[in-house]
């Protein structure tokens, strides 16, 4: 019974994190996440009512997503040019 609860917890965590079973889906989900967060980041920098420190922190998170996207693609050269 306890193992069943653990498995259910793991599957619900995967759903929350948006993990896919195949690498191809994982790559596209990271790219999609980057695109969405980048749009939010761009809009925030235009909004003067948002604290600059928050914007900088959000930009750091965007950079981490970008790095994950590069690692999934296998290198920076695929995103340059």
Protein backbone atom coordinates (compact mmCIF):
# COMPACT_ATOMS: atom_id res chain seq x y z
CA UNK A 1 0.00 0.00 0.00
CA UNK A 2 2.78 2.39 0.90
CA UNK A 3 4.64 1.68 -2.36
CA UNK A 4 1.52 2.47 -4.33
CA UNK A 5 1.30 5.86 -2.62
CA UNK A 6 4.97 6.51 -3.39
CA UNK A 7 4.45 5.67 -7.07
CA UNK A 8 1.40 7.90 -7.21
CA UNK A 9 3.41 10.70 -5.64
CA UNK A 10 6.17 10.28 -8.19
CA UNK A 11 3.79 10.32 -11.13
CA UNK A 12 2.04 13.41 -9.84
CA UNK A 13 5.42 15.10 -9.39
CA UNK A 14 6.28 14.28 -13.01
CA UNK A 15 3.01 15.81 -14.11
CA UNK A 16 3.66 18.96 -12.10
CA UNK A 17 7.18 19.33 -13.45
CA UNK A 18 6.00 18.62 -16.97
CA UNK A 19 8.51 15.84 -17.52
CA UNK A 20 8.00 13.79 -20.65
CA UNK A 21 9.08 10.22 -21.21
CA UNK A 22 11.07 10.84 -24.39
CA UNK A 23 14.07 13.11 -24.79
CA UNK A 24 12.54 14.73 -27.86
CA UNK A 25 9.51 15.87 -25.88
CA UNK A 26 11.74 17.03 -23.03
CA UNK A 27 13.81 19.13 -25.42
CA UNK A 28 10.80 20.76 -26.98
CA UNK A 29 9.26 21.43 -23.57
CA UNK A 30 12.44 23.17 -22.40
CA UNK A 31 12.50 25.26 -25.56
CA UNK A 32 8.83 26.12 -25.13
CA UNK A 33 9.40 27.06 -21.49
CA UNK A 34 12.29 29.30 -22.51
CA UNK A 35 10.17 31.06 -25.12
CA UNK A 36 7.36 31.68 -22.64
CA UNK A 37 9.63 32.90 -19.85
CA UNK A 38 11.52 35.10 -22.30
CA UNK A 39 8.27 36.78 -23.37
CA UNK A 40 7.39 37.43 -19.73
CA UNK A 41 10.89 38.77 -19.08
CA UNK A 42 10.67 41.17 -22.03
CA UNK A 43 7.30 42.46 -20.89
CA UNK A 44 8.52 42.94 -17.32
CA UNK A 45 11.45 45.12 -18.40
CA UNK A 46 8.99 47.42 -20.16
CA UNK A 47 6.82 47.73 -17.04
CA UNK A 48 8.16 50.51 -14.78
CA UNK A 49 6.08 49.45 -11.77
CA UNK A 50 8.02 46.20 -11.24
CA UNK A 51 11.03 46.32 -8.92
CA UNK A 52 14.37 46.21 -10.76
CA UNK A 53 15.79 43.65 -8.31
CA UNK A 54 12.89 41.31 -9.08
CA UNK A 55 13.51 41.77 -12.80
CA UNK A 56 17.18 40.89 -12.34
CA UNK A 57 16.27 37.78 -10.37
CA UNK A 58 13.80 36.73 -13.02
CA UNK A 59 16.51 37.21 -15.64
CA UNK A 60 18.79 34.87 -13.67
CA UNK A 61 16.08 32.20 -13.80
CA UNK A 62 15.78 32.77 -17.55
CA UNK A 63 19.53 32.23 -17.91
CA UNK A 64 19.29 28.89 -16.07
CA UNK A 65 16.56 27.77 -18.45
CA UNK A 66 18.70 28.87 -21.40
CA UNK A 67 21.66 26.85 -20.08
CA UNK A 68 19.45 23.77 -19.70
CA UNK A 69 18.25 24.25 -23.26
CA UNK A 70 21.86 24.44 -24.51
CA UNK A 71 22.82 21.30 -22.59
CA UNK A 72 19.88 19.43 -24.09
CA UNK A 73 20.92 20.49 -27.59
CA UNK A 74 24.51 19.43 -27.00
CA UNK A 75 26.29 22.73 -27.24
CA UNK A 76 26.14 26.46 -27.76
CA UNK A 77 26.92 26.29 -31.49
CA UNK A 78 23.41 25.14 -32.30
CA UNK A 79 21.96 28.36 -30.86
CA UNK A 80 24.49 30.74 -32.37
CA UNK A 81 23.85 31.73 -35.95
